[in-house]
N, C-alpha and C. Protein backbone atom coordinates (compact mmCIF):
# COMPACT_ATOMS: atom_id res chain seq x y z
N MET A 1 29.12 -10.61 -16.35
CA MET A 1 28.41 -10.39 -15.17
C MET A 1 29.28 -11.18 -13.99
N PRO A 2 29.45 -10.43 -12.81
CA PRO A 2 30.06 -11.13 -12.04
C PRO A 2 29.44 -12.11 -11.08
N THR A 3 29.91 -13.22 -10.63
CA THR A 3 29.35 -14.22 -10.27
C THR A 3 28.29 -14.08 -9.29
N GLY A 4 28.71 -13.29 -8.30
CA GLY A 4 27.78 -12.77 -7.05
C GLY A 4 26.60 -12.23 -7.81
N CYS A 5 26.77 -11.50 -8.80
CA CYS A 5 25.22 -10.84 -9.37
C CYS A 5 24.31 -11.90 -9.93
N ILE A 6 24.97 -12.87 -10.56
CA ILE A 6 24.27 -13.99 -11.01
C ILE A 6 23.53 -14.65 -9.97
N TRP A 7 24.26 -15.03 -8.73
CA TRP A 7 23.50 -15.56 -7.66
C TRP A 7 22.55 -14.69 -6.98
N ILE A 8 22.69 -13.42 -6.90
CA ILE A 8 21.54 -12.66 -6.45
C ILE A 8 20.39 -12.43 -7.36
N CYS A 9 20.72 -12.44 -8.56
CA CYS A 9 19.48 -12.23 -9.64
C CYS A 9 18.87 -13.64 -9.46
N SER A 10 19.59 -14.65 -9.33
CA SER A 10 18.88 -15.85 -9.47
C SER A 10 17.90 -16.27 -8.00
N ARG A 11 18.28 -15.54 -7.08
CA ARG A 11 17.22 -15.37 -5.76
C ARG A 11 15.96 -14.48 -5.88
N ARG A 12 15.93 -13.80 -7.11
CA ARG A 12 15.00 -12.79 -7.21
C ARG A 12 13.80 -13.42 -7.88
N HIS A 13 12.89 -14.17 -7.17
CA HIS A 13 12.03 -14.99 -7.54
C HIS A 13 10.52 -14.76 -6.88
N ASP A 14 10.45 -14.11 -5.98
CA ASP A 14 9.24 -13.78 -5.02
C ASP A 14 8.86 -12.48 -5.12
N ALA A 15 7.88 -12.09 -4.47
CA ALA A 15 7.31 -10.63 -4.38
C ALA A 15 7.62 -10.06 -2.95
N GLY A 16 8.68 -10.56 -2.39
CA GLY A 16 9.11 -9.95 -1.33
C GLY A 16 10.41 -9.15 -1.43
N SER A 17 11.44 -9.50 -0.56
CA SER A 17 12.61 -8.70 -0.43
C SER A 17 13.36 -8.76 -1.89
N ASN A 18 13.98 -7.50 -2.18
CA ASN A 18 14.79 -7.42 -3.28
C ASN A 18 16.14 -7.51 -3.11
N TYR A 19 16.61 -8.86 -3.26
CA TYR A 19 18.01 -9.08 -2.94
C TYR A 19 19.04 -8.26 -3.79
N PHE A 20 18.70 -8.04 -5.01
CA PHE A 20 19.55 -7.40 -5.94
C PHE A 20 19.57 -5.94 -5.54
N ALA A 21 18.31 -5.21 -5.19
CA ALA A 21 18.51 -3.97 -4.75
C ALA A 21 19.25 -3.91 -3.54
N ALA A 22 19.16 -4.70 -2.71
CA ALA A 22 19.89 -4.66 -1.49
C ALA A 22 21.40 -4.69 -1.62
N ALA A 23 21.68 -5.49 -2.51
CA ALA A 23 23.27 -5.97 -2.91
C ALA A 23 23.58 -4.27 -3.52
N VAL A 24 22.86 -3.75 -4.20
CA VAL A 24 23.24 -2.50 -4.94
C VAL A 24 23.32 -1.36 -3.67
N LEU A 25 22.60 -1.29 -3.00
CA LEU A 25 22.32 -0.30 -2.00
C LEU A 25 23.64 -0.55 -1.24
N ALA A 26 24.09 -1.64 -0.93
CA ALA A 26 25.09 -1.81 0.16
C ALA A 26 26.40 -1.41 -0.46
N GLN A 27 26.62 -1.53 -1.82
CA GLN A 27 27.69 -1.06 -2.64
C GLN A 27 27.76 0.56 -2.72
N PHE A 28 26.42 1.14 -2.65
CA PHE A 28 26.62 2.71 -2.58
C PHE A 28 26.75 3.34 -1.15
N HIS A 29 26.45 2.44 -0.23
CA HIS A 29 26.55 3.01 1.04
C HIS A 29 27.51 1.92 1.84
N PRO A 30 28.81 1.84 1.60
CA PRO A 30 29.51 0.84 2.37
C PRO A 30 29.94 1.20 3.73
N GLU A 31 30.12 2.47 3.77
CA GLU A 31 30.53 2.89 5.29
C GLU A 31 29.44 3.43 6.17
N ASP A 32 28.42 3.71 5.44
CA ASP A 32 27.13 4.23 6.35
C ASP A 32 25.82 3.63 6.09
N LEU A 33 25.74 2.44 5.66
CA LEU A 33 24.49 1.68 5.39
C LEU A 33 23.53 1.95 6.42
N TRP A 34 23.72 1.89 7.80
CA TRP A 34 22.67 2.04 8.68
C TRP A 34 22.48 3.25 8.96
N GLY A 35 23.50 4.46 8.44
CA GLY A 35 22.79 5.80 8.72
C GLY A 35 21.92 5.98 7.45
N HIS A 36 22.01 5.60 6.59
CA HIS A 36 21.15 5.78 5.34
C HIS A 36 19.83 5.17 5.67
N CYS A 37 19.88 3.94 6.19
CA CYS A 37 18.71 3.44 6.61
C CYS A 37 17.87 4.20 7.81
N LYS A 38 18.40 4.81 8.50
CA LYS A 38 18.00 5.69 9.52
C LYS A 38 17.36 6.68 8.99
N ARG A 39 18.08 7.39 7.89
CA ARG A 39 17.53 8.53 7.21
C ARG A 39 16.28 8.17 6.55
N ALA A 40 16.22 6.99 5.72
CA ALA A 40 15.16 6.65 5.08
C ALA A 40 14.16 6.21 5.79
N ASN A 41 14.09 5.74 6.91
CA ASN A 41 13.15 5.26 7.88
C ASN A 41 12.27 6.53 8.36
N MET A 42 13.17 7.54 8.57
CA MET A 42 12.50 8.90 8.96
C MET A 42 11.58 9.31 7.87
N VAL A 43 11.95 9.30 6.54
CA VAL A 43 11.21 9.58 5.27
C VAL A 43 9.86 8.82 5.18
N LEU A 44 10.21 7.53 5.48
CA LEU A 44 9.12 6.42 5.24
C LEU A 44 7.90 6.74 6.48
N ARG A 45 8.57 6.84 7.68
CA ARG A 45 7.63 7.15 8.43
C ARG A 45 6.66 8.38 8.56
N ARG A 46 7.20 9.43 8.06
CA ARG A 46 6.60 10.55 7.55
C ARG A 46 5.62 10.46 6.70
N LYS A 47 5.73 9.55 5.71
CA LYS A 47 4.82 9.27 4.48
C LYS A 47 3.72 8.50 4.96
N ARG A 48 4.14 7.48 5.86
CA ARG A 48 3.37 6.67 6.43
C ARG A 48 2.20 7.33 7.36
N ASP A 49 2.86 8.34 7.80
CA ASP A 49 1.68 9.19 8.94
C ASP A 49 1.07 10.22 8.05
N LEU A 50 1.46 10.57 6.92
CA LEU A 50 0.65 11.64 6.00
C LEU A 50 -0.33 10.67 5.43
N LEU A 51 -0.09 9.50 5.04
CA LEU A 51 -1.18 8.50 4.46
C LEU A 51 -2.08 8.21 5.56
N LEU A 52 -1.82 8.03 6.82
CA LEU A 52 -2.78 7.88 7.72
C LEU A 52 -3.54 8.89 8.26
N THR A 53 -3.03 10.15 8.21
CA THR A 53 -3.86 11.38 8.45
C THR A 53 -4.86 11.74 7.20
N ALA A 54 -4.40 11.35 6.12
CA ALA A 54 -5.40 11.68 4.87
C ALA A 54 -6.49 10.56 5.03
N LEU A 55 -5.95 9.25 5.22
CA LEU A 55 -7.18 8.33 5.57
C LEU A 55 -8.05 8.75 6.47
N GLU A 56 -7.49 9.19 7.74
CA GLU A 56 -8.61 9.41 8.69
C GLU A 56 -9.51 10.60 8.59
N GLY A 57 -8.78 11.45 7.80
CA GLY A 57 -9.83 12.75 7.12
C GLY A 57 -10.91 12.22 6.33
N ALA A 58 -10.65 11.44 5.41
CA ALA A 58 -11.42 11.08 4.37
C ALA A 58 -12.55 9.81 4.34
N LEU A 59 -11.81 8.71 5.07
CA LEU A 59 -12.45 7.47 5.15
C LEU A 59 -12.77 6.88 6.38
N LYS A 60 -12.66 7.53 7.35
CA LYS A 60 -12.86 7.01 8.84
C LYS A 60 -14.18 6.67 9.25
N GLU A 61 -15.14 7.12 8.42
CA GLU A 61 -16.66 6.49 8.69
C GLU A 61 -16.71 5.36 7.85
N THR A 62 -16.04 5.12 6.84
CA THR A 62 -16.30 4.10 5.76
C THR A 62 -15.58 2.95 5.82
N CYS A 63 -14.49 3.18 6.06
CA CYS A 63 -13.06 1.96 5.80
C CYS A 63 -12.52 1.97 7.13
N THR A 64 -11.65 0.76 7.09
CA THR A 64 -10.59 0.84 8.18
C THR A 64 -9.21 0.15 7.56
N TRP A 65 -8.18 0.52 8.35
CA TRP A 65 -6.90 0.07 7.58
C TRP A 65 -5.73 -0.10 8.68
N SER A 66 -4.76 -0.82 8.20
CA SER A 66 -3.66 -1.34 9.07
C SER A 66 -2.90 -0.04 9.44
N ARG A 67 -2.13 -0.02 10.44
CA ARG A 67 -1.22 1.07 10.77
C ARG A 67 0.29 0.34 11.03
N PRO A 68 0.81 0.28 9.68
CA PRO A 68 2.18 -0.35 9.74
C PRO A 68 3.30 0.09 10.49
N THR A 69 4.12 -0.78 11.23
CA THR A 69 5.14 -0.23 11.86
C THR A 69 6.39 -0.50 11.16
N GLY A 70 6.29 -0.63 9.71
CA GLY A 70 7.43 -0.87 8.91
C GLY A 70 6.93 -1.02 7.49
N GLY A 71 7.76 -1.26 6.53
CA GLY A 71 7.42 -1.33 5.26
C GLY A 71 7.06 -0.39 4.32
N LEU A 72 6.22 -0.46 3.26
CA LEU A 72 5.99 0.38 2.25
C LEU A 72 4.52 0.64 2.06
N PHE A 73 3.89 -0.39 2.58
CA PHE A 73 2.23 -0.31 2.08
C PHE A 73 1.41 -0.51 3.35
N LEU A 74 -0.07 -0.24 2.95
CA LEU A 74 -0.83 -0.48 4.19
C LEU A 74 -1.88 -1.09 3.63
N TRP A 75 -2.90 -1.88 4.43
CA TRP A 75 -3.90 -2.45 3.82
C TRP A 75 -5.10 -1.60 3.96
N LEU A 76 -6.15 -1.12 3.11
CA LEU A 76 -7.28 -0.54 3.34
C LEU A 76 -8.45 -1.46 3.17
N ARG A 77 -9.29 -1.69 4.25
CA ARG A 77 -10.40 -2.42 4.13
C ARG A 77 -11.54 -1.74 3.71
N LEU A 78 -12.40 -2.15 2.33
CA LEU A 78 -13.51 -1.37 2.02
C LEU A 78 -14.85 -2.07 2.47
N PRO A 79 -15.78 -1.24 2.39
CA PRO A 79 -17.15 -1.78 2.98
C PRO A 79 -17.45 -3.03 2.02
N GLU A 80 -18.32 -4.02 2.82
CA GLU A 80 -18.76 -5.09 1.87
C GLU A 80 -19.50 -4.76 0.78
N ASP A 81 -20.35 -3.67 0.91
CA ASP A 81 -21.38 -3.27 -0.19
C ASP A 81 -20.45 -2.56 -1.28
N ALA A 82 -19.38 -2.44 -1.24
CA ALA A 82 -18.62 -1.66 -2.51
C ALA A 82 -18.56 -2.64 -3.68
N ASP A 83 -19.09 -2.11 -4.86
CA ASP A 83 -19.10 -2.76 -6.07
C ASP A 83 -17.60 -2.90 -6.59
N TRP A 84 -16.95 -3.61 -6.35
CA TRP A 84 -15.44 -4.06 -6.80
C TRP A 84 -15.12 -3.58 -8.00
N VAL A 85 -15.92 -4.39 -9.04
CA VAL A 85 -15.73 -3.89 -10.63
C VAL A 85 -15.85 -2.65 -10.74
N ALA A 86 -16.89 -2.02 -10.29
CA ALA A 86 -17.16 -0.52 -10.60
C ALA A 86 -15.90 0.26 -10.08
N LEU A 87 -15.57 0.01 -8.84
CA LEU A 87 -14.54 0.79 -8.10
C LEU A 87 -13.33 0.71 -9.00
N LYS A 88 -12.73 -0.50 -9.46
CA LYS A 88 -11.59 -0.68 -10.16
C LYS A 88 -11.44 -0.03 -11.49
N ALA A 89 -12.67 0.17 -12.20
CA ALA A 89 -12.96 0.99 -13.47
C ALA A 89 -12.84 2.50 -13.05
N LEU A 90 -13.61 2.87 -12.02
CA LEU A 90 -13.40 4.39 -11.56
C LEU A 90 -12.26 4.82 -11.07
N THR A 91 -11.46 4.02 -10.37
CA THR A 91 -10.22 4.51 -9.91
C THR A 91 -9.11 4.50 -11.00
N ALA A 92 -9.16 3.32 -11.82
CA ALA A 92 -8.15 3.26 -13.04
C ALA A 92 -8.27 4.49 -13.73
N ALA A 93 -9.52 4.91 -14.04
CA ALA A 93 -9.69 6.13 -14.73
C ALA A 93 -9.12 7.42 -14.13
N ARG A 94 -8.99 7.31 -12.77
CA ARG A 94 -8.41 8.73 -12.23
C ARG A 94 -6.94 8.38 -12.02
N GLY A 95 -6.53 7.40 -12.36
CA GLY A 95 -4.94 7.16 -12.36
C GLY A 95 -4.63 6.26 -11.20
N PHE A 96 -5.37 5.72 -10.36
CA PHE A 96 -5.12 4.79 -9.17
C PHE A 96 -4.72 3.53 -9.69
N TYR A 97 -3.73 3.02 -9.48
CA TYR A 97 -3.44 1.74 -9.60
C TYR A 97 -2.95 0.76 -8.44
N ASP A 98 -3.98 0.15 -7.73
CA ASP A 98 -3.91 -0.50 -6.57
C ASP A 98 -3.74 -2.07 -6.78
N ALA A 99 -3.23 -2.76 -5.76
CA ALA A 99 -3.24 -4.32 -5.68
C ALA A 99 -4.30 -4.75 -4.95
N GLU A 100 -5.22 -5.67 -5.36
CA GLU A 100 -6.14 -6.31 -4.80
C GLU A 100 -5.71 -7.12 -3.73
N GLY A 101 -6.58 -7.04 -2.77
CA GLY A 101 -6.24 -7.99 -1.50
C GLY A 101 -6.13 -9.66 -2.00
N GLU A 102 -6.96 -9.92 -2.98
CA GLU A 102 -7.04 -11.55 -3.22
C GLU A 102 -5.75 -11.83 -4.07
N ASP A 103 -4.86 -10.96 -4.64
CA ASP A 103 -3.72 -11.17 -4.98
C ASP A 103 -2.75 -11.66 -4.01
N TYR A 104 -2.97 -11.47 -2.86
CA TYR A 104 -1.96 -11.75 -1.56
C TYR A 104 -2.35 -12.91 -0.68
N ARG A 105 -3.51 -13.47 -1.16
CA ARG A 105 -4.07 -14.80 -0.61
C ARG A 105 -3.80 -15.88 -1.25
N VAL A 106 -3.21 -17.10 -0.58
CA VAL A 106 -2.94 -18.29 -1.26
C VAL A 106 -3.93 -18.74 -1.98
N GLU A 107 -5.16 -18.65 -1.40
CA GLU A 107 -6.33 -19.47 -2.24
C GLU A 107 -6.94 -18.49 -3.26
N GLY A 108 -6.40 -17.31 -3.15
CA GLY A 108 -6.97 -16.39 -4.32
C GLY A 108 -8.55 -16.09 -4.05
N LYS A 109 -8.99 -16.07 -2.75
CA LYS A 109 -10.36 -15.42 -2.34
C LYS A 109 -10.49 -14.14 -2.69
N ALA A 110 -11.54 -13.76 -3.20
CA ALA A 110 -11.78 -12.36 -3.24
C ALA A 110 -12.11 -11.90 -1.82
N VAL A 111 -11.37 -10.63 -1.61
CA VAL A 111 -11.64 -10.00 -0.41
C VAL A 111 -11.71 -8.72 -0.65
N HIS A 112 -12.49 -7.58 0.21
CA HIS A 112 -12.46 -6.19 0.09
C HIS A 112 -11.37 -5.44 0.56
N PHE A 113 -10.27 -5.64 -0.08
CA PHE A 113 -9.01 -5.03 0.67
C PHE A 113 -8.13 -4.56 -0.69
N ILE A 114 -7.66 -3.27 -0.39
CA ILE A 114 -6.72 -2.61 -1.42
C ILE A 114 -5.25 -2.54 -0.71
N ARG A 115 -4.14 -2.96 -1.24
CA ARG A 115 -2.75 -2.78 -0.75
C ARG A 115 -2.31 -1.04 -1.18
N LEU A 116 -2.38 -0.33 -0.52
CA LEU A 116 -2.04 1.16 -0.70
C LEU A 116 -0.37 1.29 -0.45
N ALA A 117 0.33 1.63 -1.50
CA ALA A 117 1.79 2.01 -1.34
C ALA A 117 2.11 3.27 -1.08
N PHE A 118 3.00 3.77 0.01
CA PHE A 118 3.40 5.05 0.15
C PHE A 118 4.78 5.32 0.21
N GLY A 119 5.56 4.27 0.13
CA GLY A 119 7.00 4.63 0.19
C GLY A 119 7.41 5.58 -1.09
N HIS A 120 7.04 5.12 -2.16
CA HIS A 120 7.64 5.90 -3.41
C HIS A 120 6.71 6.94 -3.96
N VAL A 121 5.58 6.99 -3.14
CA VAL A 121 4.44 8.06 -3.69
C VAL A 121 4.73 9.52 -3.09
N PRO A 122 4.81 10.38 -4.20
CA PRO A 122 5.11 11.77 -3.75
C PRO A 122 4.00 12.37 -2.56
N ASP A 123 4.37 12.98 -1.84
CA ASP A 123 3.31 13.66 -0.76
C ASP A 123 2.20 14.08 -1.24
N ALA A 124 2.42 14.65 -2.33
CA ALA A 124 1.12 15.68 -2.95
C ALA A 124 0.09 14.54 -3.61
N ALA A 125 0.56 13.58 -3.95
CA ALA A 125 -0.20 12.36 -4.64
C ALA A 125 -1.07 11.62 -3.59
N ILE A 126 -0.47 11.75 -2.30
CA ILE A 126 -1.07 11.02 -1.17
C ILE A 126 -2.17 12.05 -0.79
N THR A 127 -1.90 13.46 -0.37
CA THR A 127 -2.74 14.29 0.07
C THR A 127 -3.97 14.67 -0.91
N GLN A 128 -3.63 14.68 -2.01
CA GLN A 128 -4.60 14.85 -2.99
C GLN A 128 -5.41 13.79 -3.51
N GLY A 129 -4.71 12.62 -3.59
CA GLY A 129 -5.27 11.34 -3.93
C GLY A 129 -6.22 10.64 -3.00
N ILE A 130 -6.01 10.88 -1.83
CA ILE A 130 -6.91 9.89 -0.74
C ILE A 130 -8.44 10.66 -0.96
N PRO A 131 -8.66 11.79 -1.01
CA PRO A 131 -10.03 12.21 -1.03
C PRO A 131 -10.66 11.85 -2.50
N VAL A 132 -9.93 11.78 -3.39
CA VAL A 132 -10.30 11.23 -4.73
C VAL A 132 -10.73 9.72 -4.58
N LEU A 133 -9.71 9.01 -3.93
CA LEU A 133 -10.38 7.53 -3.68
C LEU A 133 -11.33 7.35 -2.96
N ALA A 134 -11.41 8.29 -1.82
CA ALA A 134 -12.74 8.43 -1.03
C ALA A 134 -13.85 8.45 -1.96
N GLY A 135 -13.95 9.54 -2.70
CA GLY A 135 -15.11 9.67 -3.53
C GLY A 135 -15.37 8.62 -4.49
N CYS A 136 -14.41 7.85 -5.00
CA CYS A 136 -14.76 6.75 -5.87
C CYS A 136 -15.29 5.44 -4.99
N ILE A 137 -15.00 5.29 -3.85
CA ILE A 137 -15.44 4.22 -2.93
C ILE A 137 -16.81 4.65 -2.71
N ALA A 138 -17.24 6.15 -2.33
CA ALA A 138 -18.37 6.60 -2.01
C ALA A 138 -19.47 6.14 -3.28
N ARG A 139 -19.02 6.36 -4.53
CA ARG A 139 -19.76 6.38 -5.70
C ARG A 139 -20.15 4.83 -5.81
N CYS A 140 -19.28 4.08 -5.51
CA CYS A 140 -19.33 2.57 -5.73
C CYS A 140 -19.99 1.75 -4.73
N ARG A 141 -20.59 2.26 -3.82
CA ARG A 141 -21.25 1.59 -2.66
C ARG A 141 -22.77 1.48 -3.07
N LYS A 142 -23.45 0.36 -2.36
CA LYS A 142 -24.73 -0.04 -2.59
C LYS A 142 -25.68 0.74 -1.71
N ARG A 143 -25.17 1.08 -0.43
CA ARG A 143 -25.86 1.53 0.54
C ARG A 143 -24.86 2.55 1.21
N ASN A 144 -25.31 3.31 2.10
CA ASN A 144 -24.59 4.57 2.63
C ASN A 144 -24.48 4.22 4.19
N ALA A 145 -24.42 3.13 4.59
CA ALA A 145 -24.17 2.78 6.01
C ALA A 145 -22.63 3.05 6.24
N SER A 146 -22.25 3.49 7.71
CA SER A 146 -20.79 3.58 7.91
C SER A 146 -20.33 2.21 7.81
N GLY A 147 -18.84 2.03 7.72
CA GLY A 147 -18.35 0.91 8.07
C GLY A 147 -18.34 0.38 9.31
N GLN A 148 -18.78 -1.03 9.36
CA GLN A 148 -18.82 -1.55 10.78
C GLN A 148 -18.12 -2.67 11.06
N PHE A 149 -16.68 -2.44 11.35
CA PHE A 149 -15.89 -3.49 11.34
C PHE A 149 -15.40 -3.60 12.79
N ALA A 150 -15.10 -4.82 13.38
CA ALA A 150 -14.85 -5.07 14.54
C ALA A 150 -13.03 -4.87 14.70
N SER A 151 -12.66 -5.29 13.45
CA SER A 151 -11.09 -5.07 13.41
C SER A 151 -10.96 -5.22 11.83
N LEU A 152 -9.64 -4.87 11.63
CA LEU A 152 -9.32 -5.19 10.18
C LEU A 152 -9.50 -6.37 9.45
N PHE A 153 -9.27 -7.36 10.22
CA PHE A 153 -9.39 -8.65 9.47
C PHE A 153 -10.68 -9.49 9.87
N ASP A 154 -11.57 -9.15 10.70
CA ASP A 154 -12.84 -9.85 11.36
C ASP A 154 -13.80 -10.18 9.93
N ASP A 155 -14.23 -11.41 10.05
CA ASP A 155 -15.17 -11.77 8.94
C ASP A 155 -16.62 -11.65 9.26
């Protein structure tokens, strides 16, 4: 293995940027890396907007969410009365695999957030999946009040 690859692999120790994938991508697009990035960003923006539209149609009265300006994920805030254990079981039975908000907190504190990926998710999975997720959330709530959030991260 070339020395550069060993260096890159040794730096892949976090949940952030994938240096190895970035180096491979640079090798495949040596003359037009920025053109590729521009095309990829257009696709990602369209997928993000598709997800935002689906959330607006299915969960606007129940949840709130981030509106990312970049990246591959958004944060979905669940109502505080959602039974997290029941929701995880119900969504897993329907093929949803999400990352819990506490996985991204230093102190590991339980929070009612799900990190939703959209970058590599097929369009049909977004448009068909969000109403299913909304139904799961509705079934796992203890009351039927609308979500009352001042902001995404208010306590």
